[in-house]
Amino acid sequence: VFHAISNVNFGEKAGTFILTGPSWKGEAPKDLHQ
């Protein structure tokens, strides 16, 4: 388990995440959680 999202670390808010592979070289949009 390399990452987890839950009440513990993210709270009750909505969110949008960008999931990237280990070799991805792009730049994640600032309004997204990488």
ModelCIF file with pLDDT and N, C-alpha, C, O atoms, coordinates in Angstrom:
data_MODEL
#
_entry.id   MODEL 
#
_entity.id                         1 
_entity.type                       polymer 
_entity.pdbx_number_of_molecules   1 
#
_entity_poly.entity_id                      1 
_entity_poly.type                           'polypeptide(L)' 
_entity_poly.nstd_linkage                   no 
_entity_poly.nstd_monomer                   no 
_entity_poly.pdbx_seq_one_letter_code       VFHAISNVNFGEKAGTFILTGPSWKGEAPKDLHQ 
_entity_poly.pdbx_seq_one_letter_code_can   VFHAISNVNFGEKAGTFILTGPSWKGEAPKDLHQ 
_entity_poly.pdbx_strand_id                 A 
#
loop_
_entity_poly_seq.entity_id 
_entity_poly_seq.num 
_entity_poly_seq.mon_id 
_entity_poly_seq.hetero 
1 1  VAL n 
1 2  PHE n 
1 3  HIS n 
1 4  ALA n 
1 5  ILE n 
1 6  SER n 
1 7  ASN n 
1 8  VAL n 
1 9  ASN n 
1 10 PHE n 
1 11 GLY n 
1 12 GLU n 
1 13 LYS n 
1 14 ALA n 
1 15 GLY n 
1 16 THR n 
1 17 PHE n 
1 18 ILE n 
1 19 LEU n 
1 20 THR n 
1 21 GLY n 
1 22 PRO n 
1 23 SER n 
1 24 TRP n 
1 25 LYS n 
1 26 GLY n 
1 27 GLU n 
1 28 ALA n 
1 29 PRO n 
1 30 LYS n 
1 31 ASP n 
1 32 LEU n 
1 33 HIS n 
1 34 GLN n 
#
_struct_asym.id          A 
_struct_asym.entity_id   1 
#
loop_
_ma_qa_metric.id 
_ma_qa_metric.mode 
_ma_qa_metric.name 
_ma_qa_metric.software_group_id 
_ma_qa_metric.type 
1 global pLDDT . pLDDT 
2 local  pLDDT . pLDDT 
#
_ma_qa_metric_global.metric_id      1 
_ma_qa_metric_global.metric_value   93.68 
_ma_qa_metric_global.model_id       1 
_ma_qa_metric_global.ordinal_id     1 
#
loop_
_ma_qa_metric_local.label_asym_id 
_ma_qa_metric_local.label_comp_id 
_ma_qa_metric_local.label_seq_id 
_ma_qa_metric_local.metric_id 
_ma_qa_metric_local.metric_value 
_ma_qa_metric_local.model_id 
_ma_qa_metric_local.ordinal_id 
A VAL 1  2 94.00 1 1  
A PHE 2  2 95.00 1 2  
A HIS 3  2 96.00 1 3  
A ALA 4  2 95.00 1 4  
A ILE 5  2 95.00 1 5  
A SER 6  2 93.00 1 6  
A ASN 7  2 89.00 1 7  
A VAL 8  2 85.00 1 8  
A ASN 9  2 89.00 1 9  
A PHE 10 2 93.00 1 10 
A GLY 11 2 91.00 1 11 
A GLU 12 2 93.00 1 12 
A LYS 13 2 95.00 1 13 
A ALA 14 2 96.00 1 14 
A GLY 15 2 96.00 1 15 
A THR 16 2 97.00 1 16 
A PHE 17 2 98.00 1 17 
A ILE 18 2 98.00 1 18 
A LEU 19 2 98.00 1 19 
A THR 20 2 98.00 1 20 
A GLY 21 2 97.00 1 21 
A PRO 22 2 96.00 1 22 
A SER 23 2 94.00 1 23 
A TRP 24 2 96.00 1 24 
A LYS 25 2 93.00 1 25 
A GLY 26 2 91.00 1 26 
A GLU 27 2 90.00 1 27 
A ALA 28 2 90.00 1 28 
A PRO 29 2 89.00 1 29 
A LYS 30 2 88.00 1 30 
A ASP 31 2 90.00 1 31 
A LEU 32 2 95.00 1 32 
A HIS 33 2 96.00 1 33 
A GLN 34 2 96.00 1 34 
#
loop_
_atom_site.group_PDB 
_atom_site.id 
_atom_site.type_symbol 
_atom_site.label_atom_id 
_atom_site.label_alt_id 
_atom_site.label_comp_id 
_atom_site.label_asym_id 
_atom_site.label_entity_id 
_atom_site.label_seq_id 
_atom_site.pdbx_PDB_ins_code 
_atom_site.Cartn_x 
_atom_site.Cartn_y 
_atom_site.Cartn_z 
_atom_site.occupancy 
_atom_site.B_iso_or_equiv 
_atom_site.pdbx_formal_charge 
_atom_site.auth_seq_id 
_atom_site.auth_comp_id 
_atom_site.auth_asym_id 
_atom_site.auth_atom_id 
_atom_site.pdbx_PDB_model_num 
ATOM 1   N N  . VAL A 1 1  ? 0.866   -1.176 0.000   1.00 94.00 ? 1  VAL A N  1 
ATOM 2   C CA . VAL A 1 1  ? 0.000   0.000  0.000   1.00 94.00 ? 1  VAL A CA 1 
ATOM 3   C C  . VAL A 1 1  ? 0.909   1.233  0.000   1.00 94.00 ? 1  VAL A C  1 
ATOM 4   O O  . VAL A 1 1  ? 1.508   1.572  1.021   1.00 94.00 ? 1  VAL A O  1 
ATOM 5   N N  . PHE A 1 2  ? 1.003   1.895  -1.146  1.00 95.00 ? 2  PHE A N  1 
ATOM 6   C CA . PHE A 1 2  ? 1.916   3.041  -1.248  1.00 95.00 ? 2  PHE A CA 1 
ATOM 7   C C  . PHE A 1 2  ? 1.216   4.356  -0.970  1.00 95.00 ? 2  PHE A C  1 
ATOM 8   O O  . PHE A 1 2  ? 1.871   5.388  -0.825  1.00 95.00 ? 2  PHE A O  1 
ATOM 9   N N  . HIS A 1 3  ? -0.118  4.335  -0.893  1.00 96.00 ? 3  HIS A N  1 
ATOM 10  C CA . HIS A 1 3  ? -0.848  5.560  -0.554  1.00 96.00 ? 3  HIS A CA 1 
ATOM 11  C C  . HIS A 1 3  ? -2.237  5.173  -0.053  1.00 96.00 ? 3  HIS A C  1 
ATOM 12  O O  . HIS A 1 3  ? -2.785  4.146  -0.453  1.00 96.00 ? 3  HIS A O  1 
ATOM 13  N N  . ALA A 1 4  ? -2.796  5.998  0.820   1.00 95.00 ? 4  ALA A N  1 
ATOM 14  C CA . ALA A 1 4  ? -4.142  5.769  1.335   1.00 95.00 ? 4  ALA A CA 1 
ATOM 15  C C  . ALA A 1 4  ? -4.845  7.105  1.523   1.00 95.00 ? 4  ALA A C  1 
ATOM 16  O O  . ALA A 1 4  ? -4.224  8.099  1.901   1.00 95.00 ? 4  ALA A O  1 
ATOM 17  N N  . ILE A 1 5  ? -6.141  7.118  1.256   1.00 95.00 ? 5  ILE A N  1 
ATOM 18  C CA . ILE A 1 5  ? -6.986  8.289  1.475   1.00 95.00 ? 5  ILE A CA 1 
ATOM 19  C C  . ILE A 1 5  ? -8.102  7.867  2.421   1.00 95.00 ? 5  ILE A C  1 
ATOM 20  O O  . ILE A 1 5  ? -8.761  6.854  2.185   1.00 95.00 ? 5  ILE A O  1 
ATOM 21  N N  . SER A 1 6  ? -8.321  8.624  3.479   1.00 93.00 ? 6  SER A N  1 
ATOM 22  C CA . SER A 1 6  ? -9.347  8.241  4.444   1.00 93.00 ? 6  SER A CA 1 
ATOM 23  C C  . SER A 1 6  ? -9.700  9.434  5.319   1.00 93.00 ? 6  SER A C  1 
ATOM 24  O O  . SER A 1 6  ? -9.175  10.536 5.161   1.00 93.00 ? 6  SER A O  1 
ATOM 25  N N  . ASN A 1 7  ? -10.628 9.162  6.266   1.00 89.00 ? 7  ASN A N  1 
ATOM 26  C CA . ASN A 1 7  ? -10.947 10.182 7.267   1.00 89.00 ? 7  ASN A CA 1 
ATOM 27  C C  . ASN A 1 7  ? -9.702  10.626 8.007   1.00 89.00 ? 7  ASN A C  1 
ATOM 28  O O  . ASN A 1 7  ? -9.616  11.768 8.459   1.00 89.00 ? 7  ASN A O  1 
ATOM 29  N N  . VAL A 1 8  ? -8.732  9.723  8.135   1.00 85.00 ? 8  VAL A N  1 
ATOM 30  C CA . VAL A 1 8  ? -7.539  10.000 8.931   1.00 85.00 ? 8  VAL A CA 1 
ATOM 31  C C  . VAL A 1 8  ? -6.704  11.117 8.331   1.00 85.00 ? 8  VAL A C  1 
ATOM 32  O O  . VAL A 1 8  ? -6.300  12.042 9.035   1.00 85.00 ? 8  VAL A O  1 
ATOM 33  N N  . ASN A 1 9  ? -6.443  11.035 7.020   1.00 89.00 ? 9  ASN A N  1 
ATOM 34  C CA . ASN A 1 9  ? -5.506  11.985 6.418   1.00 89.00 ? 9  ASN A CA 1 
ATOM 35  C C  . ASN A 1 9  ? -6.115  12.939 5.398   1.00 89.00 ? 9  ASN A C  1 
ATOM 36  O O  . ASN A 1 9  ? -5.444  13.857 4.925   1.00 89.00 ? 9  ASN A O  1 
ATOM 37  N N  . PHE A 1 10 ? -7.392  12.724 5.055   1.00 93.00 ? 10 PHE A N  1 
ATOM 38  C CA . PHE A 1 10 ? -7.995  13.604 4.040   1.00 93.00 ? 10 PHE A CA 1 
ATOM 39  C C  . PHE A 1 10 ? -9.261  14.291 4.520   1.00 93.00 ? 10 PHE A C  1 
ATOM 40  O O  . PHE A 1 10 ? -9.681  15.294 3.943   1.00 93.00 ? 10 PHE A O  1 
ATOM 41  N N  . GLY A 1 11 ? -9.862  13.766 5.555   1.00 91.00 ? 11 GLY A N  1 
ATOM 42  C CA . GLY A 1 11 ? -11.045 14.412 6.112   1.00 91.00 ? 11 GLY A CA 1 
ATOM 43  C C  . GLY A 1 11 ? -12.320 14.098 5.344   1.00 91.00 ? 11 GLY A C  1 
ATOM 44  O O  . GLY A 1 11 ? -12.422 13.059 4.692   1.00 91.00 ? 11 GLY A O  1 
ATOM 45  N N  . GLU A 1 12 ? -13.295 15.005 5.426   1.00 93.00 ? 12 GLU A N  1 
ATOM 46  C CA . GLU A 1 12 ? -14.623 14.749 4.867   1.00 93.00 ? 12 GLU A CA 1 
ATOM 47  C C  . GLU A 1 12 ? -14.851 15.438 3.531   1.00 93.00 ? 12 GLU A C  1 
ATOM 48  O O  . GLU A 1 12 ? -15.920 15.279 2.940   1.00 93.00 ? 12 GLU A O  1 
ATOM 49  N N  . LYS A 1 13 ? -13.890 16.189 3.043   1.00 95.00 ? 13 LYS A N  1 
ATOM 50  C CA . LYS A 1 13 ? -14.078 16.985 1.827   1.00 95.00 ? 13 LYS A CA 1 
ATOM 51  C C  . LYS A 1 13 ? -13.988 16.133 0.566   1.00 95.00 ? 13 LYS A C  1 
ATOM 52  O O  . LYS A 1 13 ? -13.439 15.032 0.573   1.00 95.00 ? 13 LYS A O  1 
ATOM 53  N N  . ALA A 1 14 ? -14.547 16.680 -0.525  1.00 96.00 ? 14 ALA A N  1 
ATOM 54  C CA . ALA A 1 14 ? -14.410 16.047 -1.827  1.00 96.00 ? 14 ALA A CA 1 
ATOM 55  C C  . ALA A 1 14 ? -13.025 16.353 -2.385  1.00 96.00 ? 14 ALA A C  1 
ATOM 56  O O  . ALA A 1 14 ? -12.378 17.311 -1.962  1.00 96.00 ? 14 ALA A O  1 
ATOM 57  N N  . GLY A 1 15 ? -12.577 15.547 -3.327  1.00 96.00 ? 15 GLY A N  1 
ATOM 58  C CA . GLY A 1 15 ? -11.259 15.791 -3.900  1.00 96.00 ? 15 GLY A CA 1 
ATOM 59  C C  . GLY A 1 15 ? -11.115 15.152 -5.263  1.00 96.00 ? 15 GLY A C  1 
ATOM 60  O O  . GLY A 1 15 ? -11.826 14.207 -5.604  1.00 96.00 ? 15 GLY A O  1 
ATOM 61  N N  . THR A 1 16 ? -10.186 15.680 -6.035  1.00 97.00 ? 16 THR A N  1 
ATOM 62  C CA . THR A 1 16 ? -9.878  15.116 -7.347  1.00 97.00 ? 16 THR A CA 1 
ATOM 63  C C  . THR A 1 16 ? -8.393  14.797 -7.381  1.00 97.00 ? 16 THR A C  1 
ATOM 64  O O  . THR A 1 16 ? -7.561  15.654 -7.086  1.00 97.00 ? 16 THR A O  1 
ATOM 65  N N  . PHE A 1 17 ? -8.062  13.565 -7.741  1.00 98.00 ? 17 PHE A N  1 
ATOM 66  C CA . PHE A 1 17 ? -6.688  13.077 -7.674  1.00 98.00 ? 17 PHE A CA 1 
ATOM 67  C C  . PHE A 1 17 ? -6.193  12.703 -9.066  1.00 98.00 ? 17 PHE A C  1 
ATOM 68  O O  . PHE A 1 17 ? -6.967  12.237 -9.902  1.00 98.00 ? 17 PHE A O  1 
ATOM 69  N N  . ILE A 1 18 ? -4.920  12.907 -9.308  1.00 98.00 ? 18 ILE A N  1 
ATOM 70  C CA . ILE A 1 18 ? -4.290  12.441 -10.529 1.00 98.00 ? 18 ILE A CA 1 
ATOM 71  C C  . ILE A 1 18 ? -3.320  11.323 -10.165 1.00 98.00 ? 18 ILE A C  1 
ATOM 72  O O  . ILE A 1 18 ? -2.372  11.528 -9.408  1.00 98.00 ? 18 ILE A O  1 
ATOM 73  N N  . LEU A 1 19 ? -3.572  10.140 -10.715 1.00 98.00 ? 19 LEU A N  1 
ATOM 74  C CA . LEU A 1 19 ? -2.752  8.969  -10.445 1.00 98.00 ? 19 LEU A CA 1 
ATOM 75  C C  . LEU A 1 19 ? -1.732  8.834  -11.563 1.00 98.00 ? 19 LEU A C  1 
ATOM 76  O O  . LEU A 1 19 ? -2.106  8.694  -12.727 1.00 98.00 ? 19 LEU A O  1 
ATOM 77  N N  . THR A 1 20 ? -0.460  8.874  -11.228 1.00 98.00 ? 20 THR A N  1 
ATOM 78  C CA . THR A 1 20 ? 0.595   8.833  -12.229 1.00 98.00 ? 20 THR A CA 1 
ATOM 79  C C  . THR A 1 20 ? 1.490   7.623  -12.007 1.00 98.00 ? 20 THR A C  1 
ATOM 80  O O  . THR A 1 20 ? 1.702   7.184  -10.876 1.00 98.00 ? 20 THR A O  1 
ATOM 81  N N  . GLY A 1 21 ? 2.010   7.094  -13.106 1.00 97.00 ? 21 GLY A N  1 
ATOM 82  C CA . GLY A 1 21 ? 2.929   5.972  -13.023 1.00 97.00 ? 21 GLY A CA 1 
ATOM 83  C C  . GLY A 1 21 ? 4.303   6.424  -12.583 1.00 97.00 ? 21 GLY A C  1 
ATOM 84  O O  . GLY A 1 21 ? 4.570   7.626  -12.552 1.00 97.00 ? 21 GLY A O  1 
ATOM 85  N N  . PRO A 1 22 ? 5.191   5.489  -12.239 1.00 96.00 ? 22 PRO A N  1 
ATOM 86  C CA . PRO A 1 22 ? 6.518   5.852  -11.721 1.00 96.00 ? 22 PRO A CA 1 
ATOM 87  C C  . PRO A 1 22 ? 7.408   6.547  -12.747 1.00 96.00 ? 22 PRO A C  1 
ATOM 88  O O  . PRO A 1 22 ? 8.334   7.260  -12.364 1.00 96.00 ? 22 PRO A O  1 
ATOM 89  N N  . SER A 1 23 ? 7.152   6.358  -14.039 1.00 94.00 ? 23 SER A N  1 
ATOM 90  C CA . SER A 1 23 ? 8.009   6.957  -15.068 1.00 94.00 ? 23 SER A CA 1 
ATOM 91  C C  . SER A 1 23 ? 7.397   8.183  -15.727 1.00 94.00 ? 23 SER A C  1 
ATOM 92  O O  . SER A 1 23 ? 7.972   8.734  -16.666 1.00 94.00 ? 23 SER A O  1 
ATOM 93  N N  . TRP A 1 24 ? 6.235   8.615  -15.246 1.00 96.00 ? 24 TRP A N  1 
ATOM 94  C CA . TRP A 1 24 ? 5.574   9.769  -15.863 1.00 96.00 ? 24 TRP A CA 1 
ATOM 95  C C  . TRP A 1 24 ? 6.361   11.039 -15.593 1.00 96.00 ? 24 TRP A C  1 
ATOM 96  O O  . TRP A 1 24 ? 6.746   11.294 -14.452 1.00 96.00 ? 24 TRP A O  1 
ATOM 97  N N  . LYS A 1 25 ? 6.606   11.841 -16.625 1.00 93.00 ? 25 LYS A N  1 
ATOM 98  C CA . LYS A 1 25 ? 7.438   13.039 -16.502 1.00 93.00 ? 25 LYS A CA 1 
ATOM 99  C C  . LYS A 1 25 ? 6.639   14.334 -16.611 1.00 93.00 ? 25 LYS A C  1 
ATOM 100 O O  . LYS A 1 25 ? 7.214   15.422 -16.578 1.00 93.00 ? 25 LYS A O  1 
ATOM 101 N N  . GLY A 1 26 ? 5.332   14.227 -16.739 1.00 91.00 ? 26 GLY A N  1 
ATOM 102 C CA . GLY A 1 26 ? 4.518   15.430 -16.901 1.00 91.00 ? 26 GLY A CA 1 
ATOM 103 C C  . GLY A 1 26 ? 4.385   16.225 -15.616 1.00 91.00 ? 26 GLY A C  1 
ATOM 104 O O  . GLY A 1 26 ? 4.904   15.830 -14.571 1.00 91.00 ? 26 GLY A O  1 
ATOM 105 N N  . GLU A 1 27 ? 3.699   17.330 -15.698 1.00 90.00 ? 27 GLU A N  1 
ATOM 106 C CA . GLU A 1 27 ? 3.458   18.195 -14.540 1.00 90.00 ? 27 GLU A CA 1 
ATOM 107 C C  . GLU A 1 27 ? 1.985   18.118 -14.162 1.00 90.00 ? 27 GLU A C  1 
ATOM 108 O O  . GLU A 1 27 ? 1.114   18.385 -14.989 1.00 90.00 ? 27 GLU A O  1 
ATOM 109 N N  . ALA A 1 28 ? 1.713   17.762 -12.941 1.00 90.00 ? 28 ALA A N  1 
ATOM 110 C CA . ALA A 1 28 ? 0.334   17.608 -12.483 1.00 90.00 ? 28 ALA A CA 1 
ATOM 111 C C  . ALA A 1 28 ? -0.330  18.973 -12.326 1.00 90.00 ? 28 ALA A C  1 
ATOM 112 O O  . ALA A 1 28 ? 0.294   19.901 -11.811 1.00 90.00 ? 28 ALA A O  1 
ATOM 113 N N  . PRO A 1 29 ? -1.584  19.115 -12.759 1.00 89.00 ? 29 PRO A N  1 
ATOM 114 C CA . PRO A 1 29 ? -2.312  20.372 -12.542 1.00 89.00 ? 29 PRO A CA 1 
ATOM 115 C C  . PRO A 1 29 ? -2.336  20.736 -11.061 1.00 89.00 ? 29 PRO A C  1 
ATOM 116 O O  . PRO A 1 29 ? -2.472  19.866 -10.201 1.00 89.00 ? 29 PRO A O  1 
ATOM 117 N N  . LYS A 1 30 ? -2.203  22.012 -10.775 1.00 88.00 ? 30 LYS A N  1 
ATOM 118 C CA . LYS A 1 30 ? -2.083  22.460 -9.391  1.00 88.00 ? 30 LYS A CA 1 
ATOM 119 C C  . LYS A 1 30 ? -3.330  22.207 -8.568  1.00 88.00 ? 30 LYS A C  1 
ATOM 120 O O  . LYS A 1 30 ? -3.246  22.090 -7.345  1.00 88.00 ? 30 LYS A O  1 
ATOM 121 N N  . ASP A 1 31 ? -4.481  22.121 -9.208  1.00 90.00 ? 31 ASP A N  1 
ATOM 122 C CA . ASP A 1 31 ? -5.724  21.935 -8.456  1.00 90.00 ? 31 ASP A CA 1 
ATOM 123 C C  . ASP A 1 31 ? -6.040  20.457 -8.188  1.00 90.00 ? 31 ASP A C  1 
ATOM 124 O O  . ASP A 1 31 ? -7.093  20.135 -7.636  1.00 90.00 ? 31 ASP A O  1 
ATOM 125 N N  . LEU A 1 32 ? -5.126  19.563 -8.580  1.00 95.00 ? 32 LEU A N  1 
ATOM 126 C CA . LEU A 1 32 ? -5.338  18.136 -8.356  1.00 95.00 ? 32 LEU A CA 1 
ATOM 127 C C  . LEU A 1 32 ? -4.324  17.594 -7.346  1.00 95.00 ? 32 LEU A C  1 
ATOM 128 O O  . LEU A 1 32 ? -3.190  18.068 -7.272  1.00 95.00 ? 32 LEU A O  1 
ATOM 129 N N  . HIS A 1 33 ? -4.747  16.604 -6.578  1.00 96.00 ? 33 HIS A N  1 
ATOM 130 C CA . HIS A 1 33 ? -3.856  15.944 -5.641  1.00 96.00 ? 33 HIS A CA 1 
ATOM 131 C C  . HIS A 1 33 ? -3.135  14.808 -6.376  1.00 96.00 ? 33 HIS A C  1 
ATOM 132 O O  . HIS A 1 33 ? -3.783  13.903 -6.904  1.00 96.00 ? 33 HIS A O  1 
ATOM 133 N N  . GLN A 1 34 ? -1.814  14.852 -6.412  1.00 96.00 ? 34 GLN A N  1 
ATOM 134 C CA . GLN A 1 34 ? -1.085  13.830 -7.148  1.00 96.00 ? 34 GLN A CA 1 
ATOM 135 C C  . GLN A 1 34 ? -0.783  12.618 -6.269  1.00 96.00 ? 34 GLN A C  1 
ATOM 136 O O  . GLN A 1 34 ? -0.170  11.656 -6.733  1.00 96.00 ? 34 GLN A O  1 
#
